[in-house]
Each structure stands twice: as C-alpha cells, then as structure tokens.
Amino acid sequence: MVFETHSSWVLSQSAIYEAVWKEPGDKCQSAVVNVVSALRRKIGDGYIETVVGSGDRFVG
C-alpha cells in the first residue's frame, strides 16, 4: 500500500480516490472524507494526519 511504503507522502483526496476506486478523482471529496473518517474511528487517532490544503498522510 502507498501509505506504508511512503509514509511521509501527503496524498490528495483525488490521488486517494484514484488509487482506491480506480476512477478519475475529480469531484470525489465526500467519498474520501467519509472513508478516512471511518478509518480514524476504527484504528484510532494518531495514524492518519490531515495536512490542511494538501491531503492526508499515514503517520503510524
């Protein structure tokens, strides 16, 4: 997975959407926000960091 091998990379919502759903990432914001939010609830705080204006990165 991209997060594991490149943990310092900040991935945009479009990049995450394209990697997961294999479709163009334009207009994907709500889907990615919902999935990242669900992941945070399941794995706890401190593993996914949101970089405002850029995207998300795995910090675990």
N, C-alpha and C. Protein backbone atom coordinates (compact mmCIF):
# COMPACT_ATOMS: atom_id res chain seq x y z
N MET A 1 0.84 -1.18 0.00
CA MET A 1 0.00 0.00 0.00
C MET A 1 0.88 1.24 0.00
N VAL A 2 0.43 2.27 -0.64
CA VAL A 2 1.21 3.51 -0.79
C VAL A 2 1.54 4.12 0.56
N PHE A 3 0.59 4.14 1.50
CA PHE A 3 0.84 4.76 2.81
C PHE A 3 1.97 4.07 3.55
N GLU A 4 2.08 2.77 3.46
CA GLU A 4 3.09 2.03 4.21
C GLU A 4 4.49 2.27 3.67
N THR A 5 4.64 2.33 2.36
CA THR A 5 5.97 2.46 1.78
C THR A 5 6.44 3.91 1.68
N HIS A 6 5.53 4.85 1.73
CA HIS A 6 5.88 6.26 1.60
C HIS A 6 5.14 7.07 2.66
N SER A 7 5.41 6.78 3.92
CA SER A 7 4.63 7.37 5.00
C SER A 7 4.75 8.88 5.10
N SER A 8 5.79 9.47 4.55
CA SER A 8 5.92 10.92 4.63
C SER A 8 5.17 11.63 3.51
N TRP A 9 4.69 10.89 2.53
CA TRP A 9 3.97 11.49 1.41
C TRP A 9 2.60 11.98 1.84
N VAL A 10 2.23 13.14 1.37
CA VAL A 10 0.88 13.67 1.56
C VAL A 10 0.12 13.39 0.27
N LEU A 11 -0.96 12.65 0.39
CA LEU A 11 -1.75 12.30 -0.79
C LEU A 11 -3.03 13.12 -0.83
N SER A 12 -3.29 13.70 -1.99
CA SER A 12 -4.51 14.49 -2.14
C SER A 12 -5.72 13.58 -2.14
N GLN A 13 -6.88 14.16 -1.93
CA GLN A 13 -8.11 13.38 -1.96
C GLN A 13 -8.30 12.73 -3.33
N SER A 14 -7.94 13.44 -4.38
CA SER A 14 -8.05 12.88 -5.73
C SER A 14 -7.14 11.67 -5.91
N ALA A 15 -5.91 11.77 -5.42
CA ALA A 15 -4.97 10.66 -5.54
C ALA A 15 -5.45 9.43 -4.77
N ILE A 16 -5.98 9.66 -3.57
CA ILE A 16 -6.51 8.55 -2.77
C ILE A 16 -7.68 7.92 -3.49
N TYR A 17 -8.59 8.73 -4.01
CA TYR A 17 -9.76 8.22 -4.72
C TYR A 17 -9.35 7.39 -5.93
N GLU A 18 -8.42 7.90 -6.72
CA GLU A 18 -7.97 7.18 -7.92
C GLU A 18 -7.29 5.86 -7.57
N ALA A 19 -6.53 5.84 -6.48
CA ALA A 19 -5.84 4.61 -6.07
C ALA A 19 -6.81 3.55 -5.55
N VAL A 20 -7.85 3.98 -4.84
CA VAL A 20 -8.78 3.04 -4.23
C VAL A 20 -9.88 2.61 -5.20
N TRP A 21 -10.51 3.57 -5.86
CA TRP A 21 -11.66 3.27 -6.71
C TRP A 21 -11.32 3.10 -8.18
N LYS A 22 -10.08 3.37 -8.57
CA LYS A 22 -9.63 3.19 -9.97
C LYS A 22 -10.49 3.98 -10.96
N GLU A 23 -10.87 5.18 -10.56
CA GLU A 23 -11.65 6.09 -11.40
C GLU A 23 -11.07 7.49 -11.25
N PRO A 24 -11.36 8.39 -12.19
CA PRO A 24 -10.87 9.77 -12.06
C PRO A 24 -11.29 10.39 -10.73
N GLY A 25 -10.40 11.15 -10.14
CA GLY A 25 -10.63 11.67 -8.81
C GLY A 25 -11.30 13.02 -8.71
N ASP A 26 -11.76 13.57 -9.81
CA ASP A 26 -12.44 14.85 -9.71
C ASP A 26 -13.82 14.65 -9.08
N LYS A 27 -14.20 15.57 -8.22
CA LYS A 27 -15.48 15.52 -7.50
C LYS A 27 -15.59 14.31 -6.58
N CYS A 28 -14.53 13.99 -5.87
CA CYS A 28 -14.52 12.81 -5.02
C CYS A 28 -14.47 13.14 -3.54
N GLN A 29 -14.45 14.41 -3.17
CA GLN A 29 -14.14 14.83 -1.82
C GLN A 29 -14.97 14.14 -0.74
N SER A 30 -16.27 14.06 -0.90
CA SER A 30 -17.08 13.50 0.18
C SER A 30 -16.81 12.01 0.38
N ALA A 31 -16.55 11.27 -0.68
CA ALA A 31 -16.26 9.84 -0.55
C ALA A 31 -14.98 9.62 0.25
N VAL A 32 -13.94 10.35 -0.07
CA VAL A 32 -12.65 10.18 0.62
C VAL A 32 -12.76 10.65 2.06
N VAL A 33 -13.41 11.77 2.30
CA VAL A 33 -13.57 12.28 3.67
C VAL A 33 -14.32 11.26 4.52
N ASN A 34 -15.37 10.65 3.99
CA ASN A 34 -16.14 9.67 4.74
C ASN A 34 -15.32 8.43 5.06
N VAL A 35 -14.55 7.94 4.10
CA VAL A 35 -13.74 6.74 4.32
C VAL A 35 -12.61 7.02 5.31
N VAL A 36 -11.94 8.15 5.17
CA VAL A 36 -10.86 8.49 6.10
C VAL A 36 -11.43 8.65 7.52
N SER A 37 -12.60 9.25 7.64
CA SER A 37 -13.24 9.40 8.93
C SER A 37 -13.56 8.03 9.55
N ALA A 38 -14.09 7.11 8.75
CA ALA A 38 -14.38 5.76 9.23
C ALA A 38 -13.11 5.03 9.65
N LEU A 39 -12.04 5.20 8.89
CA LEU A 39 -10.76 4.58 9.25
C LEU A 39 -10.25 5.12 10.58
N ARG A 40 -10.37 6.41 10.80
CA ARG A 40 -9.93 7.00 12.06
C ARG A 40 -10.71 6.43 13.24
N ARG A 41 -12.02 6.24 13.06
CA ARG A 41 -12.83 5.66 14.14
C ARG A 41 -12.40 4.22 14.45
N LYS A 42 -12.04 3.48 13.41
CA LYS A 42 -11.67 2.07 13.60
C LYS A 42 -10.27 1.88 14.15
N ILE A 43 -9.29 2.65 13.66
CA ILE A 43 -7.90 2.43 14.07
C ILE A 43 -7.43 3.40 15.14
N GLY A 44 -8.23 4.41 15.43
CA GLY A 44 -7.88 5.36 16.48
C GLY A 44 -7.12 6.56 15.95
N ASP A 45 -6.98 7.53 16.82
CA ASP A 45 -6.28 8.77 16.45
C ASP A 45 -4.78 8.53 16.39
N GLY A 46 -4.11 9.37 15.63
CA GLY A 46 -2.65 9.33 15.58
C GLY A 46 -2.06 8.55 14.42
N TYR A 47 -2.88 7.96 13.58
CA TYR A 47 -2.35 7.18 12.46
C TYR A 47 -2.51 7.89 11.12
N ILE A 48 -3.54 8.69 10.99
CA ILE A 48 -3.77 9.43 9.74
C ILE A 48 -3.79 10.91 10.10
N GLU A 49 -2.96 11.67 9.42
CA GLU A 49 -2.86 13.10 9.66
C GLU A 49 -3.38 13.86 8.45
N THR A 50 -4.24 14.84 8.69
CA THR A 50 -4.72 15.70 7.62
C THR A 50 -3.80 16.90 7.52
N VAL A 51 -3.30 17.16 6.34
CA VAL A 51 -2.48 18.35 6.07
C VAL A 51 -3.39 19.32 5.33
N VAL A 52 -3.80 20.36 6.05
CA VAL A 52 -4.79 21.29 5.52
C VAL A 52 -4.34 21.86 4.18
N GLY A 53 -5.23 21.79 3.20
CA GLY A 53 -4.95 22.32 1.87
C GLY A 53 -4.17 21.38 0.99
N SER A 54 -3.73 20.22 1.52
CA SER A 54 -2.91 19.30 0.72
C SER A 54 -3.51 17.90 0.62
N GLY A 55 -3.88 17.31 1.75
CA GLY A 55 -4.42 15.95 1.73
C GLY A 55 -4.19 15.24 3.05
N ASP A 56 -3.94 13.95 2.98
CA ASP A 56 -3.75 13.13 4.17
C ASP A 56 -2.47 12.32 4.05
N ARG A 57 -1.93 11.92 5.23
CA ARG A 57 -0.77 11.05 5.22
C ARG A 57 -0.85 10.10 6.41
N PHE A 58 -0.26 8.94 6.24
CA PHE A 58 -0.21 7.93 7.29
C PHE A 58 1.01 8.21 8.15
N VAL A 59 0.79 8.33 9.45
CA VAL A 59 1.90 8.65 10.35
C VAL A 59 2.14 7.57 11.39
N GLY A 60 1.43 6.45 11.28
CA GLY A 60 1.56 5.37 12.26
C GLY A 60 2.80 4.65 12.04
